N, C-alpha and C. Protein backbone atom coordinates (compact mmCIF):
# COMPACT_ATOMS: atom_id res chain seq x y z
N VAL A 1 0.84 -1.19 0.00
CA VAL A 1 0.00 0.00 0.00
C VAL A 1 0.88 1.25 0.00
N ARG A 2 1.91 1.25 0.83
CA ARG A 2 2.83 2.42 0.86
C ARG A 2 3.48 2.63 -0.50
N HIS A 3 3.91 1.53 -1.14
CA HIS A 3 4.53 1.64 -2.45
C HIS A 3 3.54 2.20 -3.48
N PHE A 4 2.32 1.73 -3.42
CA PHE A 4 1.28 2.18 -4.34
C PHE A 4 1.00 3.67 -4.14
N MET A 5 0.95 4.09 -2.86
CA MET A 5 0.73 5.50 -2.55
C MET A 5 1.87 6.35 -3.11
N GLN A 6 3.08 5.90 -2.91
CA GLN A 6 4.24 6.64 -3.40
C GLN A 6 4.25 6.70 -4.92
N ARG A 7 3.96 5.57 -5.54
CA ARG A 7 3.96 5.48 -7.00
C ARG A 7 2.96 6.45 -7.63
N PHE A 8 1.82 6.66 -6.95
CA PHE A 8 0.77 7.51 -7.51
C PHE A 8 0.68 8.88 -6.84
N GLY A 9 1.72 9.26 -6.10
CA GLY A 9 1.82 10.61 -5.56
C GLY A 9 0.74 10.99 -4.57
N VAL A 10 0.33 10.06 -3.73
CA VAL A 10 -0.71 10.33 -2.75
C VAL A 10 -0.14 11.18 -1.62
N ASP A 11 -0.89 12.16 -1.18
CA ASP A 11 -0.52 12.98 -0.03
C ASP A 11 -0.70 12.13 1.22
N VAL A 12 0.40 11.74 1.84
CA VAL A 12 0.37 10.79 2.96
C VAL A 12 -0.42 11.33 4.14
N SER A 13 -0.29 12.60 4.43
CA SER A 13 -0.99 13.19 5.56
C SER A 13 -2.51 13.12 5.37
N ARG A 14 -2.97 13.54 4.19
CA ARG A 14 -4.41 13.51 3.90
C ARG A 14 -4.93 12.08 3.89
N ALA A 15 -4.16 11.19 3.28
CA ALA A 15 -4.57 9.79 3.19
C ALA A 15 -4.66 9.17 4.58
N SER A 16 -3.69 9.47 5.42
CA SER A 16 -3.69 8.92 6.79
C SER A 16 -4.88 9.44 7.58
N GLN A 17 -5.20 10.71 7.42
CA GLN A 17 -6.34 11.27 8.15
C GLN A 17 -7.65 10.69 7.65
N ALA A 18 -7.79 10.55 6.33
CA ALA A 18 -9.01 9.94 5.79
C ALA A 18 -9.16 8.51 6.29
N ALA A 19 -8.07 7.75 6.31
CA ALA A 19 -8.11 6.36 6.78
C ALA A 19 -8.47 6.31 8.26
N ALA A 20 -7.84 7.16 9.06
CA ALA A 20 -8.12 7.18 10.51
C ALA A 20 -9.57 7.56 10.77
N ASN A 21 -10.07 8.57 10.06
CA ASN A 21 -11.47 8.98 10.22
C ASN A 21 -12.41 7.82 9.88
N ALA A 22 -12.14 7.17 8.74
CA ALA A 22 -13.00 6.07 8.30
C ALA A 22 -13.00 4.93 9.31
N VAL A 23 -11.84 4.59 9.83
CA VAL A 23 -11.76 3.49 10.81
C VAL A 23 -12.48 3.87 12.10
N THR A 24 -12.32 5.12 12.54
CA THR A 24 -13.03 5.58 13.74
C THR A 24 -14.54 5.43 13.56
N LEU A 25 -15.05 5.88 12.43
CA LEU A 25 -16.49 5.80 12.17
C LEU A 25 -16.94 4.35 12.02
N TYR A 26 -16.13 3.54 11.39
CA TYR A 26 -16.46 2.12 11.21
C TYR A 26 -16.56 1.41 12.55
N ARG A 27 -15.65 1.75 13.45
CA ARG A 27 -15.71 1.14 14.80
C ARG A 27 -16.97 1.57 15.54
N GLN A 28 -17.44 2.79 15.29
CA GLN A 28 -18.70 3.21 15.90
C GLN A 28 -19.85 2.35 15.38
N LEU A 29 -19.78 2.01 14.10
CA LEU A 29 -20.84 1.20 13.50
C LEU A 29 -20.79 -0.26 13.94
N CYS A 30 -19.58 -0.77 14.14
CA CYS A 30 -19.41 -2.18 14.46
C CYS A 30 -19.28 -2.46 15.94
N GLY A 31 -19.05 -1.43 16.74
CA GLY A 31 -18.86 -1.62 18.16
C GLY A 31 -17.44 -2.03 18.50
N ASP A 32 -16.69 -2.46 17.55
CA ASP A 32 -15.29 -2.87 17.73
C ASP A 32 -14.72 -3.04 16.32
N ALA A 33 -13.61 -3.69 16.23
CA ALA A 33 -13.01 -3.93 14.92
C ALA A 33 -13.94 -4.84 14.11
N GLY A 34 -14.42 -4.33 12.99
CA GLY A 34 -15.30 -5.12 12.13
C GLY A 34 -14.48 -5.89 11.10
N PRO A 35 -15.14 -6.75 10.36
CA PRO A 35 -14.43 -7.62 9.41
C PRO A 35 -13.77 -6.89 8.24
N GLN A 36 -14.21 -5.69 7.95
CA GLN A 36 -13.64 -4.95 6.82
C GLN A 36 -12.65 -3.86 7.25
N GLU A 37 -12.30 -3.81 8.53
CA GLU A 37 -11.51 -2.69 9.04
C GLU A 37 -10.15 -2.53 8.35
N ARG A 38 -9.41 -3.60 8.19
CA ARG A 38 -8.10 -3.48 7.54
C ARG A 38 -8.24 -2.99 6.11
N LEU A 39 -9.18 -3.57 5.39
CA LEU A 39 -9.40 -3.18 4.00
C LEU A 39 -9.86 -1.72 3.92
N LEU A 40 -10.70 -1.32 4.85
CA LEU A 40 -11.17 0.07 4.91
C LEU A 40 -10.00 1.03 5.14
N GLY A 41 -9.10 0.67 6.04
CA GLY A 41 -7.92 1.50 6.28
C GLY A 41 -7.09 1.65 5.02
N TRP A 42 -6.92 0.57 4.29
CA TRP A 42 -6.16 0.65 3.03
C TRP A 42 -6.90 1.51 2.00
N ALA A 43 -8.22 1.38 1.94
CA ALA A 43 -9.01 2.20 1.00
C ALA A 43 -8.85 3.68 1.35
N GLY A 44 -8.87 3.99 2.64
CA GLY A 44 -8.66 5.38 3.05
C GLY A 44 -7.28 5.88 2.63
N GLN A 45 -6.27 5.03 2.77
CA GLN A 45 -4.92 5.40 2.37
C GLN A 45 -4.83 5.63 0.86
N LEU A 46 -5.60 4.85 0.10
CA LEU A 46 -5.50 4.87 -1.36
C LEU A 46 -6.60 5.67 -2.05
N HIS A 47 -7.42 6.37 -1.28
CA HIS A 47 -8.60 6.99 -1.90
C HIS A 47 -8.27 8.02 -2.98
N GLU A 48 -7.06 8.55 -2.99
CA GLU A 48 -6.71 9.56 -4.00
C GLU A 48 -5.83 9.03 -5.13
N VAL A 49 -5.57 7.72 -5.20
CA VAL A 49 -4.65 7.23 -6.24
C VAL A 49 -5.12 7.56 -7.64
N GLY A 50 -6.41 7.61 -7.86
CA GLY A 50 -6.94 7.90 -9.20
C GLY A 50 -6.69 9.31 -9.67
N MET A 51 -6.31 10.22 -8.74
CA MET A 51 -6.04 11.61 -9.14
C MET A 51 -4.81 11.72 -10.04
N MET A 52 -3.96 10.73 -10.01
CA MET A 52 -2.80 10.74 -10.91
C MET A 52 -3.26 10.61 -12.36
N VAL A 53 -4.39 9.96 -12.56
CA VAL A 53 -4.93 9.79 -13.90
C VAL A 53 -5.75 11.02 -14.29
N SER A 54 -6.69 11.42 -13.40
CA SER A 54 -7.54 12.56 -13.68
C SER A 54 -8.26 12.99 -12.41
N HIS A 55 -8.45 14.29 -12.24
CA HIS A 55 -9.16 14.78 -11.07
C HIS A 55 -10.67 14.59 -11.23
N THR A 56 -11.14 14.48 -12.45
CA THR A 56 -12.55 14.17 -12.64
C THR A 56 -12.68 12.66 -12.76
N GLY A 57 -13.56 12.12 -12.00
CA GLY A 57 -13.76 10.68 -12.01
C GLY A 57 -12.62 9.92 -11.36
N PHE A 58 -11.89 10.57 -10.47
CA PHE A 58 -10.72 9.91 -9.87
C PHE A 58 -11.10 8.66 -9.10
N HIS A 59 -12.32 8.63 -8.55
CA HIS A 59 -12.75 7.44 -7.83
C HIS A 59 -12.88 6.24 -8.77
N LYS A 60 -13.29 6.49 -10.00
CA LYS A 60 -13.39 5.42 -10.99
C LYS A 60 -12.00 4.94 -11.41
N HIS A 61 -11.10 5.90 -11.59
CA HIS A 61 -9.72 5.54 -11.98
C HIS A 61 -9.03 4.78 -10.85
N GLY A 62 -9.24 5.24 -9.61
CA GLY A 62 -8.65 4.56 -8.46
C GLY A 62 -9.18 3.14 -8.33
N ALA A 63 -10.48 2.96 -8.56
CA ALA A 63 -11.08 1.62 -8.50
C ALA A 63 -10.47 0.72 -9.56
N TYR A 64 -10.29 1.25 -10.76
CA TYR A 64 -9.69 0.47 -11.85
C TYR A 64 -8.25 0.07 -11.50
N LEU A 65 -7.49 1.03 -10.99
CA LEU A 65 -6.10 0.74 -10.63
C LEU A 65 -6.03 -0.33 -9.54
N ALA A 66 -6.85 -0.20 -8.52
CA ALA A 66 -6.84 -1.17 -7.42
C ALA A 66 -7.23 -2.56 -7.91
N LEU A 67 -8.15 -2.62 -8.83
CA LEU A 67 -8.62 -3.90 -9.34
C LEU A 67 -7.59 -4.58 -10.23
N ASN A 68 -6.87 -3.78 -11.01
CA ASN A 68 -6.01 -4.35 -12.05
C ASN A 68 -4.52 -4.29 -11.77
N ALA A 69 -4.11 -3.58 -10.73
CA ALA A 69 -2.68 -3.47 -10.42
C ALA A 69 -2.17 -4.74 -9.76
N ASP A 70 -0.88 -4.92 -9.85
CA ASP A 70 -0.23 -6.01 -9.12
C ASP A 70 0.00 -5.50 -7.70
N LEU A 71 -0.81 -5.98 -6.77
CA LEU A 71 -0.70 -5.57 -5.37
C LEU A 71 -0.27 -6.78 -4.55
N PRO A 72 1.04 -6.95 -4.37
CA PRO A 72 1.52 -8.12 -3.62
C PRO A 72 0.90 -8.17 -2.23
N GLY A 73 0.51 -9.37 -1.83
CA GLY A 73 -0.08 -9.57 -0.51
C GLY A 73 -1.60 -9.51 -0.50
N PHE A 74 -2.21 -9.02 -1.57
CA PHE A 74 -3.66 -8.94 -1.65
C PHE A 74 -4.20 -10.12 -2.45
N THR A 75 -5.27 -10.70 -1.95
CA THR A 75 -5.95 -11.73 -2.73
C THR A 75 -6.81 -11.04 -3.79
N THR A 76 -7.27 -11.81 -4.76
CA THR A 76 -8.15 -11.26 -5.79
C THR A 76 -9.42 -10.70 -5.15
N HIS A 77 -9.95 -11.41 -4.17
CA HIS A 77 -11.16 -10.96 -3.48
C HIS A 77 -10.91 -9.64 -2.76
N GLU A 78 -9.78 -9.50 -2.09
CA GLU A 78 -9.45 -8.25 -1.41
C GLU A 78 -9.31 -7.11 -2.40
N GLN A 79 -8.70 -7.36 -3.55
CA GLN A 79 -8.59 -6.31 -4.56
C GLN A 79 -9.96 -5.93 -5.10
N ASP A 80 -10.84 -6.91 -5.26
CA ASP A 80 -12.22 -6.61 -5.70
C ASP A 80 -12.91 -5.69 -4.70
N LEU A 81 -12.82 -6.04 -3.41
CA LEU A 81 -13.46 -5.22 -2.37
C LEU A 81 -12.82 -3.84 -2.27
N LEU A 82 -11.51 -3.77 -2.36
CA LEU A 82 -10.81 -2.48 -2.34
C LEU A 82 -11.28 -1.61 -3.50
N SER A 83 -11.42 -2.21 -4.65
CA SER A 83 -11.91 -1.49 -5.83
C SER A 83 -13.32 -0.96 -5.61
N VAL A 84 -14.18 -1.78 -5.01
CA VAL A 84 -15.56 -1.35 -4.73
C VAL A 84 -15.56 -0.17 -3.77
N LEU A 85 -14.75 -0.25 -2.72
CA LEU A 85 -14.68 0.86 -1.75
C LEU A 85 -14.20 2.14 -2.43
N LEU A 86 -13.18 2.04 -3.26
CA LEU A 86 -12.67 3.24 -3.94
C LEU A 86 -13.70 3.81 -4.91
N LEU A 87 -14.42 2.94 -5.60
CA LEU A 87 -15.46 3.40 -6.51
C LEU A 87 -16.59 4.08 -5.75
N ALA A 88 -16.92 3.56 -4.59
CA ALA A 88 -18.07 4.05 -3.81
C ALA A 88 -17.76 5.30 -3.00
N GLN A 89 -16.51 5.75 -2.99
CA GLN A 89 -16.13 6.85 -2.09
C GLN A 89 -16.81 8.16 -2.40
N LYS A 90 -17.32 8.34 -3.59
CA LYS A 90 -18.01 9.59 -3.92
C LYS A 90 -19.04 9.35 -4.99
N GLY A 91 -19.95 10.30 -5.11
CA GLY A 91 -20.97 10.22 -6.14
C GLY A 91 -22.13 9.33 -5.73
N ASN A 92 -22.92 8.96 -6.72
CA ASN A 92 -24.09 8.13 -6.43
C ASN A 92 -23.66 6.72 -6.06
N LEU A 93 -24.57 6.01 -5.47
CA LEU A 93 -24.28 4.66 -5.00
C LEU A 93 -24.85 3.57 -5.91
N ARG A 94 -25.47 3.98 -7.02
CA ARG A 94 -26.02 2.99 -7.96
C ARG A 94 -24.92 2.07 -8.49
N LYS A 95 -23.74 2.62 -8.66
CA LYS A 95 -22.63 1.85 -9.24
C LYS A 95 -22.15 0.72 -8.33
N VAL A 96 -22.52 0.76 -7.05
CA VAL A 96 -22.15 -0.31 -6.11
C VAL A 96 -23.38 -0.92 -5.44
N ALA A 97 -24.53 -0.74 -6.04
CA ALA A 97 -25.79 -1.24 -5.47
C ALA A 97 -25.73 -2.74 -5.21
N HIS A 98 -24.97 -3.46 -6.02
CA HIS A 98 -24.89 -4.91 -5.89
C HIS A 98 -24.24 -5.37 -4.58
N VAL A 99 -23.51 -4.50 -3.88
CA VAL A 99 -22.86 -4.90 -2.62
C VAL A 99 -23.53 -4.29 -1.39
N LEU A 100 -24.48 -3.38 -1.57
CA LEU A 100 -25.08 -2.69 -0.44
C LEU A 100 -25.96 -3.58 0.43
N SER A 101 -26.30 -4.76 -0.05
CA SER A 101 -27.06 -5.69 0.78
C SER A 101 -26.17 -6.38 1.81
N ASP A 102 -24.86 -6.32 1.61
CA ASP A 102 -23.89 -6.86 2.58
C ASP A 102 -23.63 -5.78 3.63
N THR A 103 -24.16 -5.98 4.83
CA THR A 103 -24.09 -4.95 5.87
C THR A 103 -22.66 -4.54 6.20
N ASP A 104 -21.73 -5.48 6.21
CA ASP A 104 -20.33 -5.14 6.53
C ASP A 104 -19.73 -4.22 5.47
N ILE A 105 -20.02 -4.49 4.22
CA ILE A 105 -19.50 -3.63 3.14
C ILE A 105 -20.21 -2.29 3.15
N LEU A 106 -21.53 -2.30 3.39
CA LEU A 106 -22.28 -1.05 3.49
C LEU A 106 -21.68 -0.16 4.58
N LYS A 107 -21.38 -0.74 5.74
CA LYS A 107 -20.78 0.03 6.84
C LYS A 107 -19.43 0.60 6.43
N ALA A 108 -18.64 -0.20 5.72
CA ALA A 108 -17.32 0.27 5.28
C ALA A 108 -17.45 1.42 4.28
N ILE A 109 -18.39 1.31 3.36
CA ILE A 109 -18.61 2.37 2.37
C ILE A 109 -19.06 3.65 3.08
N LEU A 110 -20.01 3.53 3.97
CA LEU A 110 -20.51 4.68 4.72
C LEU A 110 -19.38 5.35 5.50
N ALA A 111 -18.61 4.55 6.21
CA ALA A 111 -17.50 5.09 7.01
C ALA A 111 -16.45 5.76 6.13
N LEU A 112 -16.15 5.18 4.98
CA LEU A 112 -15.15 5.77 4.08
C LEU A 112 -15.65 7.10 3.52
N ARG A 113 -16.87 7.13 3.04
CA ARG A 113 -17.42 8.36 2.47
C ARG A 113 -17.41 9.49 3.50
N LEU A 114 -17.88 9.19 4.71
CA LEU A 114 -17.92 10.22 5.75
C LEU A 114 -16.52 10.54 6.27
N GLY A 115 -15.66 9.55 6.34
CA GLY A 115 -14.28 9.79 6.77
C GLY A 115 -13.56 10.76 5.85
N ILE A 116 -13.78 10.61 4.56
CA ILE A 116 -13.17 11.52 3.57
C ILE A 116 -13.81 12.91 3.69
N LEU A 117 -15.12 12.95 3.84
CA LEU A 117 -15.83 14.22 4.02
C LEU A 117 -15.27 14.98 5.23
N PHE A 118 -15.11 14.29 6.35
CA PHE A 118 -14.58 14.93 7.55
C PHE A 118 -13.11 15.32 7.39
N MET A 119 -12.35 14.54 6.63
CA MET A 119 -10.96 14.90 6.36
C MET A 119 -10.89 16.24 5.61
N HIS A 120 -11.76 16.39 4.61
CA HIS A 120 -11.79 17.65 3.86
C HIS A 120 -12.18 18.83 4.75
N ALA A 121 -13.08 18.58 5.71
CA ALA A 121 -13.52 19.64 6.63
C ALA A 121 -12.55 19.84 7.80
N ARG A 122 -11.51 19.02 7.83
CA ARG A 122 -10.52 19.05 8.93
C ARG A 122 -11.18 18.77 10.29
N ILE A 123 -12.04 17.77 10.29
CA ILE A 123 -12.73 17.35 11.50
C ILE A 123 -12.26 15.94 11.82
N ASP A 124 -11.85 15.74 13.05
CA ASP A 124 -11.42 14.42 13.50
C ASP A 124 -12.54 13.80 14.33
N PRO A 125 -13.24 12.80 13.80
CA PRO A 125 -14.35 12.21 14.54
C PRO A 125 -13.93 11.48 15.82
N ALA A 126 -12.64 11.27 16.00
CA ALA A 126 -12.17 10.67 17.25
C ALA A 126 -12.12 11.72 18.35
N VAL A 127 -12.10 13.00 17.96
CA VAL A 127 -11.99 14.10 18.92
C VAL A 127 -13.29 14.90 18.99
N GLU A 128 -13.86 15.21 17.85
CA GLU A 128 -15.08 16.02 17.78
C GLU A 128 -16.29 15.19 18.22
N PRO A 129 -17.38 15.87 18.61
CA PRO A 129 -18.60 15.15 18.97
C PRO A 129 -19.35 14.65 17.73
N VAL A 130 -18.88 13.52 17.21
CA VAL A 130 -19.48 12.90 16.03
C VAL A 130 -19.85 11.48 16.41
N ARG A 131 -21.09 11.10 16.09
CA ARG A 131 -21.54 9.74 16.40
C ARG A 131 -22.31 9.21 15.20
N LEU A 132 -21.92 8.02 14.75
CA LEU A 132 -22.55 7.40 13.58
C LEU A 132 -23.16 6.06 13.99
N GLN A 133 -24.41 5.84 13.57
CA GLN A 133 -25.10 4.59 13.85
C GLN A 133 -25.82 4.12 12.60
N LEU A 134 -25.94 2.81 12.48
CA LEU A 134 -26.69 2.22 11.38
C LEU A 134 -27.61 1.16 11.97
N ARG A 135 -28.87 1.44 11.89
CA ARG A 135 -29.88 0.47 12.31
C ARG A 135 -30.77 0.26 11.09
N SER A 136 -32.01 0.63 11.20
CA SER A 136 -32.88 0.57 10.02
C SER A 136 -32.62 1.79 9.13
N ARG A 137 -31.90 2.76 9.68
CA ARG A 137 -31.52 3.97 8.93
C ARG A 137 -30.14 4.42 9.41
N ILE A 138 -29.55 5.31 8.66
CA ILE A 138 -28.26 5.90 9.03
C ILE A 138 -28.55 7.11 9.90
N GLU A 139 -27.89 7.17 11.04
CA GLU A 139 -28.04 8.31 11.94
C GLU A 139 -26.67 8.90 12.23
N LEU A 140 -26.49 10.15 11.86
CA LEU A 140 -25.23 10.86 12.10
C LEU A 140 -25.53 12.02 13.04
N SER A 141 -24.83 12.04 14.14
CA SER A 141 -24.96 13.12 15.11
C SER A 141 -23.65 13.90 15.12
N VAL A 142 -23.76 15.20 14.90
CA VAL A 142 -22.59 16.08 14.87
C VAL A 142 -22.85 17.23 15.84
N GLY A 143 -21.85 17.58 16.60
CA GLY A 143 -21.99 18.67 17.56
C GLY A 143 -22.43 19.96 16.90
N ALA A 144 -23.31 20.68 17.56
CA ALA A 144 -23.81 21.95 17.02
C ALA A 144 -22.67 22.93 16.76
N GLN A 145 -21.71 22.97 17.66
CA GLN A 145 -20.55 23.87 17.49
C GLN A 145 -19.72 23.46 16.28
N THR A 146 -19.58 22.16 16.07
CA THR A 146 -18.83 21.67 14.91
C THR A 146 -19.53 22.09 13.62
N LEU A 147 -20.84 21.93 13.57
CA LEU A 147 -21.60 22.35 12.38
C LEU A 147 -21.49 23.86 12.17
N ALA A 148 -21.55 24.62 13.25
CA ALA A 148 -21.47 26.08 13.14
C ALA A 148 -20.07 26.53 12.71
N SER A 149 -19.05 25.80 13.13
CA SER A 149 -17.67 26.17 12.80
C SER A 149 -17.26 25.78 11.39
N HIS A 150 -18.02 24.90 10.77
CA HIS A 150 -17.71 24.42 9.41
C HIS A 150 -18.93 24.61 8.53
N PRO A 151 -19.13 25.81 7.98
CA PRO A 151 -20.37 26.12 7.27
C PRO A 151 -20.67 25.23 6.05
N THR A 152 -19.65 24.70 5.40
CA THR A 152 -19.93 23.86 4.23
C THR A 152 -20.25 22.42 4.62
N LEU A 153 -20.00 22.07 5.87
CA LEU A 153 -20.23 20.70 6.32
C LEU A 153 -21.68 20.28 6.14
N ALA A 154 -22.62 21.11 6.52
CA ALA A 154 -24.04 20.78 6.37
C ALA A 154 -24.40 20.54 4.91
N TYR A 155 -23.81 21.33 4.01
CA TYR A 155 -24.06 21.15 2.58
C TYR A 155 -23.59 19.77 2.11
N TRP A 156 -22.37 19.39 2.50
CA TRP A 156 -21.81 18.10 2.06
C TRP A 156 -22.55 16.93 2.70
N ILE A 157 -22.99 17.10 3.94
CA ILE A 157 -23.76 16.04 4.57
C ILE A 157 -25.12 15.91 3.88
N ALA A 158 -25.71 17.03 3.47
CA ALA A 158 -26.98 16.98 2.73
C ALA A 158 -26.82 16.21 1.42
N LYS A 159 -25.69 16.40 0.75
CA LYS A 159 -25.41 15.64 -0.48
C LYS A 159 -25.29 14.15 -0.18
N GLU A 160 -24.68 13.83 0.96
CA GLU A 160 -24.57 12.42 1.39
C GLU A 160 -25.95 11.86 1.66
N GLN A 161 -26.79 12.64 2.33
CA GLN A 161 -28.16 12.19 2.62
C GLN A 161 -28.87 11.83 1.32
N THR A 162 -28.73 12.69 0.33
CA THR A 162 -29.38 12.45 -0.96
C THR A 162 -28.86 11.18 -1.61
N ALA A 163 -27.54 11.00 -1.60
CA ALA A 163 -26.95 9.80 -2.21
C ALA A 163 -27.47 8.53 -1.54
N TRP A 164 -27.53 8.53 -0.21
CA TRP A 164 -27.99 7.34 0.50
C TRP A 164 -29.49 7.13 0.33
N GLU A 165 -30.26 8.22 0.28
CA GLU A 165 -31.69 8.07 0.10
C GLU A 165 -32.02 7.57 -1.30
N GLU A 166 -31.20 7.93 -2.30
CA GLU A 166 -31.38 7.38 -3.65
C GLU A 166 -31.07 5.89 -3.67
N ALA A 167 -30.29 5.42 -2.69
CA ALA A 167 -29.97 3.99 -2.56
C ALA A 167 -30.91 3.32 -1.55
N ASP A 168 -32.05 3.97 -1.28
CA ASP A 168 -33.08 3.44 -0.37
C ASP A 168 -32.60 3.26 1.06
N ARG A 169 -31.75 4.18 1.52
CA ARG A 169 -31.31 4.20 2.91
C ARG A 169 -31.62 5.57 3.49
N GLN A 170 -32.46 5.61 4.49
CA GLN A 170 -32.77 6.87 5.13
C GLN A 170 -31.54 7.34 5.91
N PHE A 171 -31.24 8.62 5.82
CA PHE A 171 -30.06 9.21 6.45
C PHE A 171 -30.52 10.43 7.26
N ILE A 172 -30.36 10.35 8.56
CA ILE A 172 -30.78 11.41 9.47
C ILE A 172 -29.56 12.10 10.03
N LEU A 173 -29.56 13.45 9.99
CA LEU A 173 -28.51 14.24 10.62
C LEU A 173 -29.09 14.87 11.86
N ARG A 174 -28.42 14.68 12.97
CA ARG A 174 -28.83 15.29 14.24
C ARG A 174 -27.74 16.23 14.70
N SER A 175 -28.14 17.36 15.19
CA SER A 175 -27.22 18.32 15.77
C SER A 175 -27.20 18.10 17.28
N ALA A 176 -26.07 17.69 17.79
CA ALA A 176 -25.94 17.41 19.24
C ALA A 176 -25.46 18.67 19.95
N SER A 177 -25.92 18.86 21.19
CA SER A 177 -25.50 20.03 21.94
C SER A 177 -24.14 19.83 22.55
């Protein structure tokens, strides 16, 4: 993974923060280390590899690279899942609808998407009052001060809500005091 990041010019600091955010959120969903945690961490580290090809559609390019590159130590199944996570990191979820019935993969996708969103907003969900739950619906609780301090955050979360609702998953945002 480190070699792949270096080869494709990934910003290590941003990648590490995105991965850490995603793992933190995933642990909230799973209660502990879930079955996809290692793969999710790698997806967070590699989420920007497709930018070397193009900034538009980089998630598609990253998914292609992960699926087709020689990644020593990864099984074909792991590369398939890594590719799905990278593809699902942004945009609509129709392109990965075939895996959303697997709760573990759904949790990993949700955690990765929000982990990257929080990385861009410079919010650390391990420190900030952020709580993510998945039951019959997705429930995200973010501190009122955090929302007030990051004016674009509500906009990006609203876009996430729309993406998940188009995938038949209700997404509720709560402002915590």
